[in-house]
Full PDB file with SEQRES, HELIX, SHEET, SSBOND, CRYST1, ORIGX, SCALE, CONECT and MASTER records, all heavy atoms in Angstrom:
SEQRES   1 A   36  HIS CYS MET TYR CYS SER HIS CYS ALA PRO CYS PRO VAL          
SEQRES   2 A   36  LYS ILE SER VAL ALA ASP VAL THR LYS PHE LEU ASN LEU          
SEQRES   3 A   36  ALA LYS ALA GLN GLY HIS VAL PRO GLU THR                      
HELIX    1 AA1 VAL A   17  GLN A   30  1                                  14    
CRYST1    1.000    1.000    1.000  90.00  90.00  90.00 P 1           1          
ORIGX1      1.000000  0.000000  0.000000        0.00000                         
ORIGX2      0.000000  1.000000  0.000000        0.00000                         
ORIGX3      0.000000  0.000000  1.000000        0.00000                         
SCALE1      1.000000  0.000000  0.000000        0.00000                         
SCALE2      0.000000  1.000000  0.000000        0.00000                         
SCALE3      0.000000  0.000000  1.000000        0.00000                         
ATOM      1  N   HIS A   1       0.807  -1.196   0.101  1.00  0.00           N  
ATOM      2  CA  HIS A   1       0.023   0.021  -0.042  1.00  0.00           C  
ATOM      3  C   HIS A   1       0.908   1.237   0.012  1.00  0.00           C  
ATOM      4  O   HIS A   1       1.728   1.403   0.861  1.00  0.00           O  
ATOM      5  CB  HIS A   1      -0.852   0.034   1.268  1.00  0.00           C  
ATOM      6  CG  HIS A   1      -1.944   1.131   1.139  1.00  0.00           C  
ATOM      7  ND1 HIS A   1      -3.140   0.945   0.665  1.00  0.00           N  
ATOM      8  CD2 HIS A   1      -1.904   2.384   1.710  1.00  0.00           C  
ATOM      9  CE1 HIS A   1      -3.834   2.131   0.777  1.00  0.00           C  
ATOM     10  NE2 HIS A   1      -3.030   2.975   1.387  1.00  0.00           N  
ATOM     11  N   CYS A   2       0.702   2.229  -0.967  1.00  0.00           N  
ATOM     12  CA  CYS A   2       1.451   3.381  -1.044  1.00  0.00           C  
ATOM     13  C   CYS A   2       1.082   4.319   0.074  1.00  0.00           C  
ATOM     14  O   CYS A   2      -0.148   4.651   0.309  1.00  0.00           O  
ATOM     15  CB  CYS A   2       1.268   4.079  -2.382  1.00  0.00           C  
ATOM     16  SG  CYS A   2       2.148   5.690  -2.468  1.00  0.00           S  
ATOM     17  N   MET A   3       2.066   4.763   0.869  1.00  0.00           N  
ATOM     18  CA  MET A   3       1.741   5.616   2.054  1.00  0.00           C  
ATOM     19  C   MET A   3       2.117   7.111   1.697  1.00  0.00           C  
ATOM     20  O   MET A   3       2.188   7.914   2.535  1.00  0.00           O  
ATOM     21  CB  MET A   3       2.698   5.150   3.193  1.00  0.00           C  
ATOM     22  CG  MET A   3       2.374   3.670   3.711  1.00  0.00           C  
ATOM     23  SD  MET A   3       0.637   3.472   4.189  1.00  0.00           S  
ATOM     24  CE  MET A   3       0.580   4.414   5.627  1.00  0.00           C  
ATOM     25  N   TYR A   4       2.517   7.381   0.425  1.00  0.00           N  
ATOM     26  CA  TYR A   4       2.902   8.743   0.010  1.00  0.00           C  
ATOM     27  C   TYR A   4       4.028   9.247   0.816  1.00  0.00           C  
ATOM     28  O   TYR A   4       4.192  10.413   1.131  1.00  0.00           O  
ATOM     29  CB  TYR A   4       1.716   9.600   0.118  1.00  0.00           C  
ATOM     30  CG  TYR A   4       0.412   9.175  -0.497  1.00  0.00           C  
ATOM     31  CD1 TYR A   4      -0.775   9.125   0.180  1.00  0.00           C  
ATOM     32  CD2 TYR A   4       0.489   8.656  -1.831  1.00  0.00           C  
ATOM     33  CE1 TYR A   4      -1.927   8.653  -0.305  1.00  0.00           C  
ATOM     34  CE2 TYR A   4      -0.780   8.287  -2.355  1.00  0.00           C  
ATOM     35  CZ  TYR A   4      -1.989   8.167  -1.620  1.00  0.00           C  
ATOM     36  OH  TYR A   4      -3.074   7.731  -2.181  1.00  0.00           O  
ATOM     37  N   CYS A   5       4.939   8.308   1.182  1.00  0.00           N  
ATOM     38  CA  CYS A   5       6.079   8.733   2.019  1.00  0.00           C  
ATOM     39  C   CYS A   5       7.269   9.258   1.246  1.00  0.00           C  
ATOM     40  O   CYS A   5       8.200   9.840   1.855  1.00  0.00           O  
ATOM     41  CB  CYS A   5       6.509   7.533   2.880  1.00  0.00           C  
ATOM     42  SG  CYS A   5       7.305   6.161   2.011  1.00  0.00           S  
ATOM     43  N   SER A   6       7.300   9.010  -0.089  1.00  0.00           N  
ATOM     44  CA  SER A   6       8.367   9.594  -0.953  1.00  0.00           C  
ATOM     45  C   SER A   6       9.633   8.906  -0.855  1.00  0.00           C  
ATOM     46  O   SER A   6      10.687   9.478  -1.232  1.00  0.00           O  
ATOM     47  CB  SER A   6       8.408  11.000  -0.867  1.00  0.00           C  
ATOM     48  OG  SER A   6       7.296  11.670  -1.296  1.00  0.00           O  
ATOM     49  N   HIS A   7       9.687   7.661  -0.230  1.00  0.00           N  
ATOM     50  CA  HIS A   7      10.974   6.911  -0.128  1.00  0.00           C  
ATOM     51  C   HIS A   7      11.364   6.451  -1.491  1.00  0.00           C  
ATOM     52  O   HIS A   7      12.503   6.109  -1.785  1.00  0.00           O  
ATOM     53  CB  HIS A   7      10.852   5.780   0.783  1.00  0.00           C  
ATOM     54  CG  HIS A   7      11.228   6.114   2.279  1.00  0.00           C  
ATOM     55  ND1 HIS A   7      12.378   5.681   2.854  1.00  0.00           N  
ATOM     56  CD2 HIS A   7      10.569   6.826   3.125  1.00  0.00           C  
ATOM     57  CE1 HIS A   7      12.423   6.167   4.092  1.00  0.00           C  
ATOM     58  NE2 HIS A   7      11.383   6.906   4.270  1.00  0.00           N  
ATOM     59  N   CYS A   8      10.423   6.459  -2.465  1.00  0.00           N  
ATOM     60  CA  CYS A   8      10.696   6.005  -3.839  1.00  0.00           C  
ATOM     61  C   CYS A   8      11.520   6.930  -4.592  1.00  0.00           C  
ATOM     62  O   CYS A   8      12.228   6.612  -5.562  1.00  0.00           O  
ATOM     63  CB  CYS A   8       9.324   5.775  -4.538  1.00  0.00           C  
ATOM     64  SG  CYS A   8       8.270   7.167  -4.483  1.00  0.00           S  
ATOM     65  N   ALA A   9      11.604   8.148  -4.228  1.00  0.00           N  
ATOM     66  CA  ALA A   9      12.376   9.258  -4.907  1.00  0.00           C  
ATOM     67  C   ALA A   9      13.812   9.124  -4.463  1.00  0.00           C  
ATOM     68  O   ALA A   9      14.248   8.538  -3.509  1.00  0.00           O  
ATOM     69  CB  ALA A   9      11.956  10.655  -4.347  1.00  0.00           C  
ATOM     70  N   PRO A  10      14.726   9.598  -5.449  1.00  0.00           N  
ATOM     71  CA  PRO A  10      14.416  10.249  -6.632  1.00  0.00           C  
ATOM     72  C   PRO A  10      14.269   9.283  -7.782  1.00  0.00           C  
ATOM     73  O   PRO A  10      14.950   8.335  -7.919  1.00  0.00           O  
ATOM     74  CB  PRO A  10      15.698  11.140  -6.854  1.00  0.00           C  
ATOM     75  CG  PRO A  10      16.784  10.387  -6.227  1.00  0.00           C  
ATOM     76  CD  PRO A  10      16.178   9.548  -5.093  1.00  0.00           C  
ATOM     77  N   CYS A  11      13.436   9.753  -8.689  1.00  0.00           N  
ATOM     78  CA  CYS A  11      13.262   9.010  -9.942  1.00  0.00           C  
ATOM     79  C   CYS A  11      14.261   9.498 -10.910  1.00  0.00           C  
ATOM     80  O   CYS A  11      14.359  10.711 -11.151  1.00  0.00           O  
ATOM     81  CB  CYS A  11      11.792   9.306 -10.483  1.00  0.00           C  
ATOM     82  SG  CYS A  11      11.526   8.654 -12.201  1.00  0.00           S  
ATOM     83  N   PRO A  12      14.912   8.649 -11.751  1.00  0.00           N  
ATOM     84  CA  PRO A  12      15.871   9.127 -12.728  1.00  0.00           C  
ATOM     85  C   PRO A  12      15.341   9.947 -13.891  1.00  0.00           C  
ATOM     86  O   PRO A  12      16.053  10.740 -14.445  1.00  0.00           O  
ATOM     87  CB  PRO A  12      16.440   7.700 -13.260  1.00  0.00           C  
ATOM     88  CG  PRO A  12      15.437   6.629 -12.966  1.00  0.00           C  
ATOM     89  CD  PRO A  12      14.749   7.153 -11.672  1.00  0.00           C  
ATOM     90  N   VAL A  13      13.994   9.827 -14.026  1.00  0.00           N  
ATOM     91  CA  VAL A  13      13.454  10.783 -15.100  1.00  0.00           C  
ATOM     92  C   VAL A  13      12.486  11.760 -14.400  1.00  0.00           C  
ATOM     93  O   VAL A  13      11.694  12.372 -15.124  1.00  0.00           O  
ATOM     94  CB  VAL A  13      12.588   9.934 -16.199  1.00  0.00           C  
ATOM     95  CG1 VAL A  13      13.595   9.040 -17.063  1.00  0.00           C  
ATOM     96  CG2 VAL A  13      11.532   8.995 -15.525  1.00  0.00           C  
ATOM     97  N   LYS A  14      12.667  11.902 -13.176  1.00  0.00           N  
ATOM     98  CA  LYS A  14      12.024  13.020 -12.325  1.00  0.00           C  
ATOM     99  C   LYS A  14      10.509  12.920 -12.255  1.00  0.00           C  
ATOM    100  O   LYS A  14       9.890  13.921 -12.027  1.00  0.00           O  
ATOM    101  CB  LYS A  14      12.554  14.294 -12.860  1.00  0.00           C  
ATOM    102  CG  LYS A  14      13.965  14.577 -12.798  1.00  0.00           C  
ATOM    103  CD  LYS A  14      14.439  15.893 -13.242  1.00  0.00           C  
ATOM    104  CE  LYS A  14      15.943  16.068 -13.169  1.00  0.00           C  
ATOM    105  NZ  LYS A  14      16.394  17.402 -13.655  1.00  0.00           N  
ATOM    106  N   ILE A  15      10.002  11.750 -12.313  1.00  0.00           N  
ATOM    107  CA  ILE A  15       8.532  11.620 -12.078  1.00  0.00           C  
ATOM    108  C   ILE A  15       8.259  11.690 -10.541  1.00  0.00           C  
ATOM    109  O   ILE A  15       9.093  11.084  -9.691  1.00  0.00           O  
ATOM    110  CB  ILE A  15       8.030  10.175 -12.576  1.00  0.00           C  
ATOM    111  CG1 ILE A  15       8.203  10.084 -14.102  1.00  0.00           C  
ATOM    112  CG2 ILE A  15       6.475  10.012 -12.093  1.00  0.00           C  
ATOM    113  CD1 ILE A  15       7.889   8.588 -14.544  1.00  0.00           C  
ATOM    114  N   SER A  16       7.266  12.494 -10.177  1.00  0.00           N  
ATOM    115  CA  SER A  16       6.899  12.593  -8.759  1.00  0.00           C  
ATOM    116  C   SER A  16       5.959  11.302  -8.481  1.00  0.00           C  
ATOM    117  O   SER A  16       4.693  11.345  -8.682  1.00  0.00           O  
ATOM    118  CB  SER A  16       6.131  13.833  -8.462  1.00  0.00           C  
ATOM    119  OG  SER A  16       5.702  13.828  -7.081  1.00  0.00           O  
ATOM    120  N   VAL A  17       6.578  10.205  -8.154  1.00  0.00           N  
ATOM    121  CA  VAL A  17       5.807   8.942  -8.065  1.00  0.00           C  
ATOM    122  C   VAL A  17       4.754   9.032  -7.017  1.00  0.00           C  
ATOM    123  O   VAL A  17       3.650   8.552  -7.241  1.00  0.00           O  
ATOM    124  CB  VAL A  17       6.799   7.782  -7.626  1.00  0.00           C  
ATOM    125  CG1 VAL A  17       6.047   6.475  -7.368  1.00  0.00           C  
ATOM    126  CG2 VAL A  17       7.802   7.602  -8.743  1.00  0.00           C  
ATOM    127  N   ALA A  18       4.923   9.724  -5.849  1.00  0.00           N  
ATOM    128  CA  ALA A  18       3.896   9.781  -4.848  1.00  0.00           C  
ATOM    129  C   ALA A  18       2.681  10.572  -5.353  1.00  0.00           C  
ATOM    130  O   ALA A  18       1.529  10.213  -5.161  1.00  0.00           O  
ATOM    131  CB  ALA A  18       4.462  10.506  -3.576  1.00  0.00           C  
ATOM    132  N   ASP A  19       2.969  11.740  -6.099  1.00  0.00           N  
ATOM    133  CA  ASP A  19       1.834  12.433  -6.726  1.00  0.00           C  
ATOM    134  C   ASP A  19       1.032  11.671  -7.813  1.00  0.00           C  
ATOM    135  O   ASP A  19      -0.200  11.749  -7.753  1.00  0.00           O  
ATOM    136  CB  ASP A  19       2.367  13.808  -7.295  1.00  0.00           C  
ATOM    137  CG  ASP A  19       2.730  14.806  -6.261  1.00  0.00           C  
ATOM    138  OD1 ASP A  19       2.127  14.787  -5.195  1.00  0.00           O  
ATOM    139  OD2 ASP A  19       3.546  15.627  -6.485  1.00  0.00           O  
ATOM    140  N   VAL A  20       1.743  10.990  -8.680  1.00  0.00           N  
ATOM    141  CA  VAL A  20       1.171  10.210  -9.696  1.00  0.00           C  
ATOM    142  C   VAL A  20       0.283   9.153  -9.038  1.00  0.00           C  
ATOM    143  O   VAL A  20      -0.835   8.909  -9.474  1.00  0.00           O  
ATOM    144  CB  VAL A  20       2.123   9.603 -10.627  1.00  0.00           C  
ATOM    145  CG1 VAL A  20       1.458   8.570 -11.565  1.00  0.00           C  
ATOM    146  CG2 VAL A  20       2.875  10.598 -11.571  1.00  0.00           C  
ATOM    147  N   THR A  21       0.788   8.442  -8.052  1.00  0.00           N  
ATOM    148  CA  THR A  21      -0.005   7.387  -7.312  1.00  0.00           C  
ATOM    149  C   THR A  21      -1.211   7.980  -6.619  1.00  0.00           C  
ATOM    150  O   THR A  21      -2.225   7.339  -6.685  1.00  0.00           O  
ATOM    151  CB  THR A  21       0.949   6.757  -6.310  1.00  0.00           C  
ATOM    152  OG1 THR A  21       2.142   6.258  -7.076  1.00  0.00           O  
ATOM    153  CG2 THR A  21       0.218   5.516  -5.707  1.00  0.00           C  
ATOM    154  N   LYS A  22      -1.024   9.109  -6.026  1.00  0.00           N  
ATOM    155  CA  LYS A  22      -2.203   9.693  -5.448  1.00  0.00           C  
ATOM    156  C   LYS A  22      -3.297  10.139  -6.325  1.00  0.00           C  
ATOM    157  O   LYS A  22      -4.449   9.803  -6.147  1.00  0.00           O  
ATOM    158  CB  LYS A  22      -1.740  11.098  -4.685  1.00  0.00           C  
ATOM    159  CG  LYS A  22      -2.689  11.730  -3.711  1.00  0.00           C  
ATOM    160  CD  LYS A  22      -2.171  12.907  -2.974  1.00  0.00           C  
ATOM    161  CE  LYS A  22      -1.162  12.445  -1.940  1.00  0.00           C  
ATOM    162  NZ  LYS A  22      -0.761  13.583  -0.988  1.00  0.00           N  
ATOM    163  N   PHE A  23      -2.965  10.632  -7.560  1.00  0.00           N  
ATOM    164  CA  PHE A  23      -3.972  10.954  -8.544  1.00  0.00           C  
ATOM    165  C   PHE A  23      -4.573   9.678  -9.092  1.00  0.00           C  
ATOM    166  O   PHE A  23      -5.687   9.551  -9.432  1.00  0.00           O  
ATOM    167  CB  PHE A  23      -3.412  11.779  -9.648  1.00  0.00           C  
ATOM    168  CG  PHE A  23      -2.973  13.156  -9.177  1.00  0.00           C  
ATOM    169  CD1 PHE A  23      -1.832  13.808  -9.607  1.00  0.00           C  
ATOM    170  CD2 PHE A  23      -3.753  13.933  -8.353  1.00  0.00           C  
ATOM    171  CE1 PHE A  23      -1.408  15.067  -9.121  1.00  0.00           C  
ATOM    172  CE2 PHE A  23      -3.326  15.179  -7.804  1.00  0.00           C  
ATOM    173  CZ  PHE A  23      -2.135  15.718  -8.265  1.00  0.00           C  
ATOM    174  N   LEU A  24      -3.761   8.630  -9.245  1.00  0.00           N  
ATOM    175  CA  LEU A  24      -4.246   7.380  -9.686  1.00  0.00           C  
ATOM    176  C   LEU A  24      -5.289   6.794  -8.770  1.00  0.00           C  
ATOM    177  O   LEU A  24      -6.365   6.335  -9.150  1.00  0.00           O  
ATOM    178  CB  LEU A  24      -3.055   6.312  -9.835  1.00  0.00           C  
ATOM    179  CG  LEU A  24      -3.449   4.882 -10.059  1.00  0.00           C  
ATOM    180  CD1 LEU A  24      -4.172   4.765 -11.447  1.00  0.00           C  
ATOM    181  CD2 LEU A  24      -2.185   3.980 -10.065  1.00  0.00           C  
ATOM    182  N   ASN A  25      -5.001   6.885  -7.443  1.00  0.00           N  
ATOM    183  CA  ASN A  25      -5.903   6.340  -6.401  1.00  0.00           C  
ATOM    184  C   ASN A  25      -7.189   7.149  -6.369  1.00  0.00           C  
ATOM    185  O   ASN A  25      -8.310   6.605  -6.157  1.00  0.00           O  
ATOM    186  CB  ASN A  25      -5.236   6.330  -5.005  1.00  0.00           C  
ATOM    187  CG  ASN A  25      -4.201   5.236  -4.866  1.00  0.00           C  
ATOM    188  OD1 ASN A  25      -4.242   4.306  -5.638  1.00  0.00           O  
ATOM    189  ND2 ASN A  25      -3.264   5.362  -4.027  1.00  0.00           N  
ATOM    190  N   LEU A  26      -7.073   8.464  -6.646  1.00  0.00           N  
ATOM    191  CA  LEU A  26      -8.257   9.369  -6.688  1.00  0.00           C  
ATOM    192  C   LEU A  26      -9.124   8.883  -7.770  1.00  0.00           C  
ATOM    193  O   LEU A  26     -10.418   8.805  -7.651  1.00  0.00           O  
ATOM    194  CB  LEU A  26      -7.858  10.828  -6.891  1.00  0.00           C  
ATOM    195  CG  LEU A  26      -7.430  11.581  -5.688  1.00  0.00           C  
ATOM    196  CD1 LEU A  26      -6.770  12.920  -6.084  1.00  0.00           C  
ATOM    197  CD2 LEU A  26      -8.587  11.829  -4.768  1.00  0.00           C  
ATOM    198  N   ALA A  27      -8.540   8.678  -8.934  1.00  0.00           N  
ATOM    199  CA  ALA A  27      -9.387   8.220 -10.080  1.00  0.00           C  
ATOM    200  C   ALA A  27     -10.009   6.885  -9.863  1.00  0.00           C  
ATOM    201  O   ALA A  27     -11.204   6.629 -10.117  1.00  0.00           O  
ATOM    202  CB  ALA A  27      -8.512   8.213 -11.329  1.00  0.00           C  
ATOM    203  N   LYS A  28      -9.279   5.952  -9.328  1.00  0.00           N  
ATOM    204  CA  LYS A  28      -9.764   4.615  -9.012  1.00  0.00           C  
ATOM    205  C   LYS A  28     -10.896   4.662  -7.977  1.00  0.00           C  
ATOM    206  O   LYS A  28     -11.855   3.919  -8.120  1.00  0.00           O  
ATOM    207  CB  LYS A  28      -8.608   3.648  -8.602  1.00  0.00           C  
ATOM    208  CG  LYS A  28      -7.743   3.334  -9.641  1.00  0.00           C  
ATOM    209  CD  LYS A  28      -6.381   2.683  -9.199  1.00  0.00           C  
ATOM    210  CE  LYS A  28      -6.592   1.341  -8.553  1.00  0.00           C  
ATOM    211  NZ  LYS A  28      -5.334   0.719  -8.175  1.00  0.00           N  
ATOM    212  N   ALA A  29     -10.794   5.533  -7.002  1.00  0.00           N  
ATOM    213  CA  ALA A  29     -11.821   5.625  -5.933  1.00  0.00           C  
ATOM    214  C   ALA A  29     -13.114   6.151  -6.519  1.00  0.00           C  
ATOM    215  O   ALA A  29     -14.225   5.772  -6.104  1.00  0.00           O  
ATOM    216  CB  ALA A  29     -11.293   6.525  -4.816  1.00  0.00           C  
ATOM    217  N   GLN A  30     -12.977   7.041  -7.617  1.00  0.00           N  
ATOM    218  CA  GLN A  30     -14.193   7.662  -8.068  1.00  0.00           C  
ATOM    219  C   GLN A  30     -14.757   6.788  -9.182  1.00  0.00           C  
ATOM    220  O   GLN A  30     -15.922   7.027  -9.566  1.00  0.00           O  
ATOM    221  CB  GLN A  30     -13.842   9.020  -8.637  1.00  0.00           C  
ATOM    222  CG  GLN A  30     -13.551   9.987  -7.542  1.00  0.00           C  
ATOM    223  CD  GLN A  30     -14.658  10.261  -6.725  1.00  0.00           C  
ATOM    224  OE1 GLN A  30     -15.670  10.807  -7.109  1.00  0.00           O  
ATOM    225  NE2 GLN A  30     -14.545  10.017  -5.387  1.00  0.00           N  
ATOM    226  N   GLY A  31     -13.993   5.810  -9.733  1.00  0.00           N  
ATOM    227  CA  GLY A  31     -14.425   5.082 -10.749  1.00  0.00           C  
ATOM    228  C   GLY A  31     -14.339   5.692 -12.138  1.00  0.00           C  
ATOM    229  O   GLY A  31     -14.754   5.211 -13.166  1.00  0.00           O  
ATOM    230  N   HIS A  32     -13.874   6.983 -12.204  1.00  0.00           N  
ATOM    231  CA  HIS A  32     -13.534   7.713 -13.376  1.00  0.00           C  
ATOM    232  C   HIS A  32     -12.611   8.805 -13.019  1.00  0.00           C  
ATOM    233  O   HIS A  32     -12.164   8.826 -11.865  1.00  0.00           O  
ATOM    234  CB  HIS A  32     -14.888   8.268 -13.922  1.00  0.00           C  
ATOM    235  CG  HIS A  32     -15.428   9.403 -13.013  1.00  0.00           C  
ATOM    236  ND1 HIS A  32     -16.067   9.169 -11.889  1.00  0.00           N  
ATOM    237  CD2 HIS A  32     -15.429  10.757 -13.192  1.00  0.00           C  
ATOM    238  CE1 HIS A  32     -16.460  10.340 -11.345  1.00  0.00           C  
ATOM    239  NE2 HIS A  32     -16.065  11.327 -12.120  1.00  0.00           N  
ATOM    240  N   VAL A  33     -12.240   9.547 -14.012  1.00  0.00           N  
ATOM    241  CA  VAL A  33     -11.196  10.628 -13.750  1.00  0.00           C  
ATOM    242  C   VAL A  33     -11.972  11.983 -13.680  1.00  0.00           C  
ATOM    243  O   VAL A  33     -12.366  12.557 -14.667  1.00  0.00           O  
ATOM    244  CB  VAL A  33     -10.188  10.682 -14.908  1.00  0.00           C  
ATOM    245  CG1 VAL A  33      -9.123  11.783 -14.570  1.00  0.00           C  
ATOM    246  CG2 VAL A  33      -9.526   9.380 -15.110  1.00  0.00           C  
ATOM    247  N   PRO A  34     -12.178  12.516 -12.432  1.00  0.00           N  
ATOM    248  CA  PRO A  34     -12.796  13.807 -12.306  1.00  0.00           C  
ATOM    249  C   PRO A  34     -11.929  14.816 -13.029  1.00  0.00           C  
ATOM    250  O   PRO A  34     -10.676  14.742 -12.992  1.00  0.00           O  
ATOM    251  CB  PRO A  34     -12.748  13.959 -10.780  1.00  0.00           C  
ATOM    252  CG  PRO A  34     -12.615  12.693 -10.173  1.00  0.00           C  
ATOM    253  CD  PRO A  34     -11.855  11.878 -11.167  1.00  0.00           C  
ATOM    254  N   GLU A  35     -12.475  15.930 -13.433  1.00  0.00           N  
ATOM    255  CA  GLU A  35     -11.766  16.954 -14.224  1.00  0.00           C  
ATOM    256  C   GLU A  35     -10.677  17.544 -13.376  1.00  0.00           C  
ATOM    257  O   GLU A  35      -9.685  17.870 -13.884  1.00  0.00           O  
ATOM    258  CB  GLU A  35     -12.809  18.077 -14.749  1.00  0.00           C  
ATOM    259  CG  GLU A  35     -12.194  18.861 -15.836  1.00  0.00           C  
ATOM    260  CD  GLU A  35     -11.662  18.067 -17.045  1.00  0.00           C  
ATOM    261  OE1 GLU A  35     -12.361  17.062 -17.345  1.00  0.00           O  
ATOM    262  OE2 GLU A  35     -10.645  18.485 -17.611  1.00  0.00           O  
ATOM    263  N   THR A  36     -11.027  17.832 -12.078  1.00  0.00           N  
ATOM    264  CA  THR A  36      -9.976  18.443 -11.311  1.00  0.00           C  
ATOM    265  C   THR A  36      -8.748  17.594 -11.054  1.00  0.00           C  
ATOM    266  O   THR A  36      -7.623  18.119 -11.033  1.00  0.00           O  
ATOM    267  CB  THR A  36     -10.568  18.787  -9.859  1.00  0.00           C  
ATOM    268  OG1 THR A  36     -11.159  17.618  -9.308  1.00  0.00           O  
ATOM    269  CG2 THR A  36     -11.603  19.935  -9.947  1.00  0.00           C  
TER     270      THR A  36                                                      
MASTER        0    0    0    1    0    0    0    6  269    1    0    3          
END                                                                             
């Protein structure tokens, strides 16, 4: 389970893994991708 702790950083191509995962979880929780 992702805890958004950012231990995954740094990414060699500079992706903010915690932020991407957070938005992924938001979309999955809603069952679609809210515009915001």
